Amino acid sequence: MPKESDKRANFVRLAEGRTQLALDAIRKIGNLSNSRAYEYTEADVKAIIKALRDATADVERKFNSSTGETFDKFRLKG
C-alpha cells in the first residue's frame, strides 16, 4: 500500500507533466489561427472552442465529484 507522501508525489509528478502537455497542445491549436497557412470557418473555430471548454468543465466535474470517467473523441465535420 503506497504511503500518502508517495501518492502525493505521484500526483504532483503526473499532474505537472500532463498539464504541461495539455498547455502545449492548446498553444499548437492556437497556431492554427494563421489564415495564411490554413483555411477554416467560424463554425470550425466555435467547435474547437466548445470542445476545449467542455473538456475543462469535465475535468472540474471529476475533481468535484466521484462520478465515472467519460471520453469523447473530437472531430470536425467536412
PDB file of N, CA and C in Angstrom:
ATOM      1  N   MET A   1       0.841  -1.186   0.000  1.00  0.00           N
ATOM      2  CA  MET A   1       0.000   0.000   0.000  1.00  0.00           C
ATOM      3  C   MET A   1       0.883   1.245   0.000  1.00  0.00           C
ATOM      4  N   PRO A   2       0.713   2.142  -0.999  1.00  0.00           N
ATOM      5  CA  PRO A   2       1.556   3.341  -1.037  1.00  0.00           C
ATOM      6  C   PRO A   2       1.252   4.278   0.127  1.00  0.00           C
ATOM      7  N   LYS A   3       2.291   4.923   0.605  1.00  0.00           N
ATOM      8  CA  LYS A   3       2.126   5.927   1.654  1.00  0.00           C
ATOM      9  C   LYS A   3       1.486   7.178   1.059  1.00  0.00           C
ATOM     10  N   GLU A   4       0.882   7.973   1.926  1.00  0.00           N
ATOM     11  CA  GLU A   4       0.258   9.214   1.472  1.00  0.00           C
ATOM     12  C   GLU A   4       1.264  10.114   0.768  1.00  0.00           C
ATOM     13  N   SER A   5       2.496  10.179   1.285  1.00  0.00           N
ATOM     14  CA  SER A   5       3.501  11.039   0.651  1.00  0.00           C
ATOM     15  C   SER A   5       3.868  10.517  -0.739  1.00  0.00           C
ATOM     16  N   ASP A   6       3.842   9.195  -0.930  1.00  0.00           N
ATOM     17  CA  ASP A   6       4.094   8.619  -2.258  1.00  0.00           C
ATOM     18  C   ASP A   6       2.963   8.967  -3.220  1.00  0.00           C
ATOM     19  N   LYS A   7       1.727   8.889  -2.724  1.00  0.00           N
ATOM     20  CA  LYS A   7       0.573   9.214  -3.550  1.00  0.00           C
ATOM     21  C   LYS A   7       0.610  10.681  -3.960  1.00  0.00           C
ATOM     22  N   ARG A   8       1.006  11.541  -3.033  1.00  0.00           N
ATOM     23  CA  ARG A   8       1.105  12.975  -3.328  1.00  0.00           C
ATOM     24  C   ARG A   8       2.205  13.227  -4.358  1.00  0.00           C
ATOM     25  N   ALA A   9       3.348  12.609  -4.167  1.00  0.00           N
ATOM     26  CA  ALA A   9       4.464  12.793  -5.101  1.00  0.00           C
ATOM     27  C   ALA A   9       4.074  12.313  -6.497  1.00  0.00           C
ATOM     28  N   ASN A  10       3.380  11.191  -6.579  1.00  0.00           N
ATOM     29  CA  ASN A  10       2.924  10.681  -7.878  1.00  0.00           C
ATOM     30  C   ASN A  10       1.945  11.651  -8.527  1.00  0.00           C
ATOM     31  N   PHE A  11       1.012  12.175  -7.714  1.00  0.00           N
ATOM     32  CA  PHE A  11       0.036  13.123  -8.246  1.00  0.00           C
ATOM     33  C   PHE A  11       0.735  14.355  -8.802  1.00  0.00           C
ATOM     34  N   VAL A  12       1.641  14.930  -8.027  1.00  0.00           N
ATOM     35  CA  VAL A  12       2.344  16.142  -8.445  1.00  0.00           C
ATOM     36  C   VAL A  12       3.127  15.881  -9.731  1.00  0.00           C
ATOM     37  N   ARG A  13       3.847  14.784  -9.794  1.00  0.00           N
ATOM     38  CA  ARG A  13       4.650  14.452 -10.974  1.00  0.00           C
ATOM     39  C   ARG A  13       3.771  14.307 -12.207  1.00  0.00           C
ATOM     40  N   LEU A  14       2.697  13.531 -12.078  1.00  0.00           N
ATOM     41  CA  LEU A  14       1.817  13.298 -13.218  1.00  0.00           C
ATOM     42  C   LEU A  14       1.030  14.550 -13.589  1.00  0.00           C
ATOM     43  N   ALA A  15       0.526  15.274 -12.606  1.00  0.00           N
ATOM     44  CA  ALA A  15      -0.268  16.481 -12.880  1.00  0.00           C
ATOM     45  C   ALA A  15       0.567  17.527 -13.593  1.00  0.00           C
ATOM     46  N   GLU A  16       1.804  17.736 -13.145  1.00  0.00           N
ATOM     47  CA  GLU A  16       2.660  18.719 -13.799  1.00  0.00           C
ATOM     48  C   GLU A  16       2.953  18.328 -15.244  1.00  0.00           C
ATOM     49  N   GLY A  17       3.298  17.076 -15.472  1.00  0.00           N
ATOM     50  CA  GLY A  17       3.609  16.622 -16.826  1.00  0.00           C
ATOM     51  C   GLY A  17       2.413  16.670 -17.749  1.00  0.00           C
ATOM     52  N   ARG A  18       1.275  16.178 -17.273  1.00  0.00           N
ATOM     53  CA  ARG A  18       0.080  16.134 -18.116  1.00  0.00           C
ATOM     54  C   ARG A  18      -0.469  17.532 -18.378  1.00  0.00           C
ATOM     55  N   THR A  19      -0.417  18.396 -17.376  1.00  0.00           N
ATOM     56  CA  THR A  19      -0.883  19.770 -17.566  1.00  0.00           C
ATOM     57  C   THR A  19      -0.001  20.487 -18.574  1.00  0.00           C
ATOM     58  N   GLN A  20       1.301  20.288 -18.488  1.00  0.00           N
ATOM     59  CA  GLN A  20       2.207  20.932 -19.453  1.00  0.00           C
ATOM     60  C   GLN A  20       1.932  20.438 -20.865  1.00  0.00           C
ATOM     61  N   LEU A  21       1.695  19.132 -21.024  1.00  0.00           N
ATOM     62  CA  LEU A  21       1.366  18.592 -22.350  1.00  0.00           C
ATOM     63  C   LEU A  21       0.069  19.206 -22.881  1.00  0.00           C
ATOM     64  N   ALA A  22      -0.928  19.352 -22.013  1.00  0.00           N
ATOM     65  CA  ALA A  22      -2.200  19.941 -22.425  1.00  0.00           C
ATOM     66  C   ALA A  22      -2.013  21.399 -22.833  1.00  0.00           C
ATOM     67  N   LEU A  23      -1.246  22.154 -22.056  1.00  0.00           N
ATOM     68  CA  LEU A  23      -0.988  23.556 -22.385  1.00  0.00           C
ATOM     69  C   LEU A  23      -0.245  23.680 -23.713  1.00  0.00           C
ATOM     70  N   ASP A  24       0.726  22.816 -23.939  1.00  0.00           N
ATOM     71  CA  ASP A  24       1.459  22.813 -25.207  1.00  0.00           C
ATOM     72  C   ASP A  24       0.521  22.520 -26.373  1.00  0.00           C
ATOM     73  N   ALA A  25      -0.376  21.561 -26.186  1.00  0.00           N
ATOM     74  CA  ALA A  25      -1.330  21.205 -27.239  1.00  0.00           C
ATOM     75  C   ALA A  25      -2.276  22.364 -27.526  1.00  0.00           C
ATOM     76  N   ILE A  26      -2.716  23.060 -26.496  1.00  0.00           N
ATOM     77  CA  ILE A  26      -3.602  24.212 -26.690  1.00  0.00           C
ATOM     78  C   ILE A  26      -2.874  25.315 -27.456  1.00  0.00           C
ATOM     79  N   ARG A  27      -1.615  25.546 -27.134  1.00  0.00           N
ATOM     80  CA  ARG A  27      -0.834  26.547 -27.884  1.00  0.00           C
ATOM     81  C   ARG A  27      -0.721  26.153 -29.351  1.00  0.00           C
ATOM     82  N   LYS A  28      -0.547  24.872 -29.620  1.00  0.00           N
ATOM     83  CA  LYS A  28      -0.460  24.399 -31.004  1.00  0.00           C
ATOM     84  C   LYS A  28      -1.781  24.599 -31.733  1.00  0.00           C
ATOM     85  N   ILE A  29      -2.895  24.405 -31.034  1.00  0.00           N
ATOM     86  CA  ILE A  29      -4.202  24.674 -31.639  1.00  0.00           C
ATOM     87  C   ILE A  29      -4.287  26.150 -32.003  1.00  0.00           C
ATOM     88  N   GLY A  30      -3.788  27.007 -31.119  1.00  0.00           N
ATOM     89  CA  GLY A  30      -3.771  28.439 -31.404  1.00  0.00           C
ATOM     90  C   GLY A  30      -2.986  28.776 -32.656  1.00  0.00           C
ATOM     91  N   ASN A  31      -1.949  28.022 -32.924  1.00  0.00           N
ATOM     92  CA  ASN A  31      -1.157  28.242 -34.137  1.00  0.00           C
ATOM     93  C   ASN A  31      -1.972  28.026 -35.415  1.00  0.00           C
ATOM     94  N   LEU A  32      -3.049  27.264 -35.315  1.00  0.00           N
ATOM     95  CA  LEU A  32      -3.908  27.021 -36.481  1.00  0.00           C
ATOM     96  C   LEU A  32      -4.656  28.276 -36.917  1.00  0.00           C
ATOM     97  N   SER A  33      -4.612  29.323 -36.124  1.00  0.00           N
ATOM     98  CA  SER A  33      -5.310  30.565 -36.473  1.00  0.00           C
ATOM     99  C   SER A  33      -4.611  31.334 -37.590  1.00  0.00           C
ATOM    100  N   ASN A  34      -3.435  30.884 -38.011  1.00  0.00           N
ATOM    101  CA  ASN A  34      -2.698  31.537 -39.098  1.00  0.00           C
ATOM    102  C   ASN A  34      -3.442  31.294 -40.413  1.00  0.00           C
ATOM    103  N   SER A  35      -4.196  32.307 -40.841  1.00  0.00           N
ATOM    104  CA  SER A  35      -5.028  32.141 -42.039  1.00  0.00           C
ATOM    105  C   SER A  35      -4.220  32.105 -43.329  1.00  0.00           C
ATOM    106  N   ARG A  36      -2.941  32.458 -43.278  1.00  0.00           N
ATOM    107  CA  ARG A  36      -2.094  32.327 -44.470  1.00  0.00           C
ATOM    108  C   ARG A  36      -1.690  30.875 -44.691  1.00  0.00           C
ATOM    109  N   ALA A  37      -1.704  30.074 -43.638  1.00  0.00           N
ATOM    110  CA  ALA A  37      -1.299  28.678 -43.755  1.00  0.00           C
ATOM    111  C   ALA A  37      -2.484  27.710 -43.747  1.00  0.00           C
ATOM    112  N   TYR A  38      -3.609  28.157 -43.188  1.00  0.00           N
ATOM    113  CA  TYR A  38      -4.755  27.257 -43.011  1.00  0.00           C
ATOM    114  C   TYR A  38      -6.047  27.942 -43.434  1.00  0.00           C
ATOM    115  N   GLU A  39      -7.005  27.126 -43.840  1.00  0.00           N
ATOM    116  CA  GLU A  39      -8.339  27.621 -44.157  1.00  0.00           C
ATOM    117  C   GLU A  39      -9.314  26.998 -43.175  1.00  0.00           C
ATOM    118  N   TYR A  40     -10.116  27.837 -42.541  1.00  0.00           N
ATOM    119  CA  TYR A  40     -11.086  27.355 -41.563  1.00  0.00           C
ATOM    120  C   TYR A  40     -12.295  28.267 -41.554  1.00  0.00           C
ATOM    121  N   THR A  41     -13.388  27.738 -41.018  1.00  0.00           N
ATOM    122  CA  THR A  41     -14.619  28.519 -40.930  1.00  0.00           C
ATOM    123  C   THR A  41     -14.856  28.934 -39.481  1.00  0.00           C
ATOM    124  N   GLU A  42     -15.767  29.872 -39.322  1.00  0.00           N
ATOM    125  CA  GLU A  42     -16.163  30.293 -37.978  1.00  0.00           C
ATOM    126  C   GLU A  42     -16.771  29.110 -37.219  1.00  0.00           C
ATOM    127  N   ALA A  43     -17.474  28.247 -37.942  1.00  0.00           N
ATOM    128  CA  ALA A  43     -18.060  27.054 -37.317  1.00  0.00           C
ATOM    129  C   ALA A  43     -16.959  26.132 -36.794  1.00  0.00           C
ATOM    130  N   ASP A  44     -15.854  26.003 -37.536  1.00  0.00           N
ATOM    131  CA  ASP A  44     -14.716  25.201 -37.076  1.00  0.00           C
ATOM    132  C   ASP A  44     -14.165  25.758 -35.770  1.00  0.00           C
ATOM    133  N   VAL A  45     -13.984  27.080 -35.737  1.00  0.00           N
ATOM    134  CA  VAL A  45     -13.433  27.738 -34.554  1.00  0.00           C
ATOM    135  C   VAL A  45     -14.359  27.522 -33.355  1.00  0.00           C
ATOM    136  N   LYS A  46     -15.657  27.720 -33.575  1.00  0.00           N
ATOM    137  CA  LYS A  46     -16.620  27.533 -32.481  1.00  0.00           C
ATOM    138  C   LYS A  46     -16.613  26.090 -31.979  1.00  0.00           C
ATOM    139  N   ALA A  47     -16.477  25.122 -32.891  1.00  0.00           N
ATOM    140  CA  ALA A  47     -16.453  23.708 -32.494  1.00  0.00           C
ATOM    141  C   ALA A  47     -15.214  23.400 -31.660  1.00  0.00           C
ATOM    142  N   ILE A  48     -14.073  23.951 -32.053  1.00  0.00           N
ATOM    143  CA  ILE A  48     -12.836  23.730 -31.298  1.00  0.00           C
ATOM    144  C   ILE A  48     -12.952  24.331 -29.898  1.00  0.00           C
ATOM    145  N   ILE A  49     -13.402  25.591 -29.827  1.00  0.00           N
ATOM    146  CA  ILE A  49     -13.534  26.271 -28.539  1.00  0.00           C
ATOM    147  C   ILE A  49     -14.527  25.533 -27.642  1.00  0.00           C
ATOM    148  N   LYS A  50     -15.638  25.084 -28.217  1.00  0.00           N
ATOM    149  CA  LYS A  50     -16.638  24.347 -27.426  1.00  0.00           C
ATOM    150  C   LYS A  50     -16.051  23.047 -26.886  1.00  0.00           C
ATOM    151  N   ALA A  51     -15.309  22.332 -27.723  1.00  0.00           N
ATOM    152  CA  ALA A  51     -14.708  21.068 -27.285  1.00  0.00           C
ATOM    153  C   ALA A  51     -13.723  21.300 -26.141  1.00  0.00           C
ATOM    154  N   LEU A  52     -12.922  22.369 -26.231  1.00  0.00           N
ATOM    155  CA  LEU A  52     -11.967  22.685 -25.170  1.00  0.00           C
ATOM    156  C   LEU A  52     -12.678  23.082 -23.881  1.00  0.00           C
ATOM    157  N   ARG A  53     -13.710  23.904 -24.002  1.00  0.00           N
ATOM    158  CA  ARG A  53     -14.481  24.313 -22.814  1.00  0.00           C
ATOM    159  C   ARG A  53     -15.171  23.116 -22.175  1.00  0.00           C
ATOM    160  N   ASP A  54     -15.752  22.250 -22.998  1.00  0.00           N
ATOM    161  CA  ASP A  54     -16.418  21.054 -22.469  1.00  0.00           C
ATOM    162  C   ASP A  54     -15.424  20.158 -21.737  1.00  0.00           C
ATOM    163  N   ALA A  55     -14.230  20.021 -22.296  1.00  0.00           N
ATOM    164  CA  ALA A  55     -13.210  19.172 -21.680  1.00  0.00           C
ATOM    165  C   ALA A  55     -12.759  19.740 -20.337  1.00  0.00           C
ATOM    166  N   THR A  56     -12.564  21.057 -20.260  1.00  0.00           N
ATOM    167  CA  THR A  56     -12.148  21.641 -18.986  1.00  0.00           C
ATOM    168  C   THR A  56     -13.275  21.567 -17.959  1.00  0.00           C
ATOM    169  N   ALA A  57     -14.513  21.727 -18.406  1.00  0.00           N
ATOM    170  CA  ALA A  57     -15.654  21.582 -17.485  1.00  0.00           C
ATOM    171  C   ALA A  57     -15.732  20.152 -16.959  1.00  0.00           C
ATOM    172  N   ASP A  58     -15.441  19.189 -17.819  1.00  0.00           N
ATOM    173  CA  ASP A  58     -15.446  17.785 -17.407  1.00  0.00           C
ATOM    174  C   ASP A  58     -14.366  17.521 -16.360  1.00  0.00           C
ATOM    175  N   VAL A  59     -13.189  18.119 -16.535  1.00  0.00           N
ATOM    176  CA  VAL A  59     -12.113  17.972 -15.551  1.00  0.00           C
ATOM    177  C   VAL A  59     -12.565  18.538 -14.212  1.00  0.00           C
ATOM    178  N   GLU A  60     -13.187  19.709 -14.234  1.00  0.00           N
ATOM    179  CA  GLU A  60     -13.685  20.302 -12.990  1.00  0.00           C
ATOM    180  C   GLU A  60     -14.695  19.401 -12.307  1.00  0.00           C
ATOM    181  N   ARG A  61     -15.617  18.841 -13.086  1.00  0.00           N
ATOM    182  CA  ARG A  61     -16.624  17.931 -12.512  1.00  0.00           C
ATOM    183  C   ARG A  61     -15.960  16.714 -11.865  1.00  0.00           C
ATOM    184  N   LYS A  62     -14.949  16.176 -12.519  1.00  0.00           N
ATOM    185  CA  LYS A  62     -14.271  14.989 -11.984  1.00  0.00           C
ATOM    186  C   LYS A  62     -13.574  15.287 -10.663  1.00  0.00           C
ATOM    187  N   PHE A  63     -12.981  16.463 -10.543  1.00  0.00           N
ATOM    188  CA  PHE A  63     -12.308  16.823  -9.299  1.00  0.00           C
ATOM    189  C   PHE A  63     -13.306  17.160  -8.189  1.00  0.00           C
ATOM    190  N   ASN A  64     -14.521  17.541  -8.564  1.00  0.00           N
ATOM    191  CA  ASN A  64     -15.525  17.918  -7.577  1.00  0.00           C
ATOM    192  C   ASN A  64     -16.494  16.797  -7.231  1.00  0.00           C
ATOM    193  N   SER A  65     -16.366  15.636  -7.869  1.00  0.00           N
ATOM    194  CA  SER A  65     -17.253  14.519  -7.565  1.00  0.00           C
ATOM    195  C   SER A  65     -16.530  13.202  -7.822  1.00  0.00           C
ATOM    196  N   SER A  66     -17.198  12.134  -7.499  1.00  0.00           N
ATOM    197  CA  SER A  66     -16.597  10.810  -7.699  1.00  0.00           C
ATOM    198  C   SER A  66     -17.321  10.032  -8.791  1.00  0.00           C
ATOM    199  N   THR A  67     -17.841  10.739  -9.800  1.00  0.00           N
ATOM    200  CA  THR A  67     -18.537  10.070 -10.891  1.00  0.00           C
ATOM    201  C   THR A  67     -17.544   9.403 -11.823  1.00  0.00           C
ATOM    202  N   GLY A  68     -18.040   8.559 -12.692  1.00  0.00           N
ATOM    203  CA  GLY A  68     -17.186   7.826 -13.630  1.00  0.00           C
ATOM    204  C   GLY A  68     -16.591   8.711 -14.692  1.00  0.00           C
ATOM    205  N   GLU A  69     -15.616   8.166 -15.405  1.00  0.00           N
ATOM    206  CA  GLU A  69     -14.921   8.901 -16.452  1.00  0.00           C
ATOM    207  C   GLU A  69     -15.705   8.846 -17.750  1.00  0.00           C
ATOM    208  N   THR A  70     -15.590   9.923 -18.536  1.00  0.00           N
ATOM    209  CA  THR A  70     -16.162   9.943 -19.878  1.00  0.00           C
ATOM    210  C   THR A  70     -15.086  10.404 -20.848  1.00  0.00           C
ATOM    211  N   PHE A  71     -15.052   9.798 -22.010  1.00  0.00           N
ATOM    212  CA  PHE A  71     -14.070  10.161 -23.030  1.00  0.00           C
ATOM    213  C   PHE A  71     -14.791  10.357 -24.343  1.00  0.00           C
ATOM    214  N   ASP A  72     -14.628  11.527 -24.942  1.00  0.00           N
ATOM    215  CA  ASP A  72     -15.198  11.827 -26.231  1.00  0.00           C
ATOM    216  C   ASP A  72     -14.083  12.153 -27.196  1.00  0.00           C
ATOM    217  N   LYS A  73     -14.227  11.684 -28.422  1.00  0.00           N
ATOM    218  CA  LYS A  73     -13.246  11.955 -29.461  1.00  0.00           C
ATOM    219  C   LYS A  73     -13.697  13.189 -30.231  1.00  0.00           C
ATOM    220  N   PHE A  74     -12.823  14.179 -30.394  1.00  0.00           N
ATOM    221  CA  PHE A  74     -13.157  15.408 -31.106  1.00  0.00           C
ATOM    222  C   PHE A  74     -12.988  15.206 -32.606  1.00  0.00           C
ATOM    223  N   ARG A  75     -13.979  15.653 -33.368  1.00  0.00           N
ATOM    224  CA  ARG A  75     -13.919  15.590 -34.831  1.00  0.00           C
ATOM    225  C   ARG A  75     -14.567  16.839 -35.406  1.00  0.00           C
ATOM    226  N   LEU A  76     -13.954  17.408 -36.440  1.00  0.00           N
ATOM    227  CA  LEU A  76     -14.574  18.476 -37.196  1.00  0.00           C
ATOM    228  C   LEU A  76     -15.339  17.860 -38.355  1.00  0.00           C
ATOM    229  N   LYS A  77     -16.426  18.492 -38.749  1.00  0.00           N
ATOM    230  CA  LYS A  77     -17.209  17.993 -39.881  1.00  0.00           C
ATOM    231  C   LYS A  77     -16.594  18.476 -41.179  1.00  0.00           C
ATOM    232  N   GLY A  78     -16.625  17.631 -42.193  1.00  0.00           N
ATOM    233  CA  GLY A  78     -16.204  18.009 -43.538  1.00  0.00           C
ATOM    234  C   GLY A  78     -14.765  18.129 -43.672  1.00  0.00           C
TER     235      GLY A  78
END
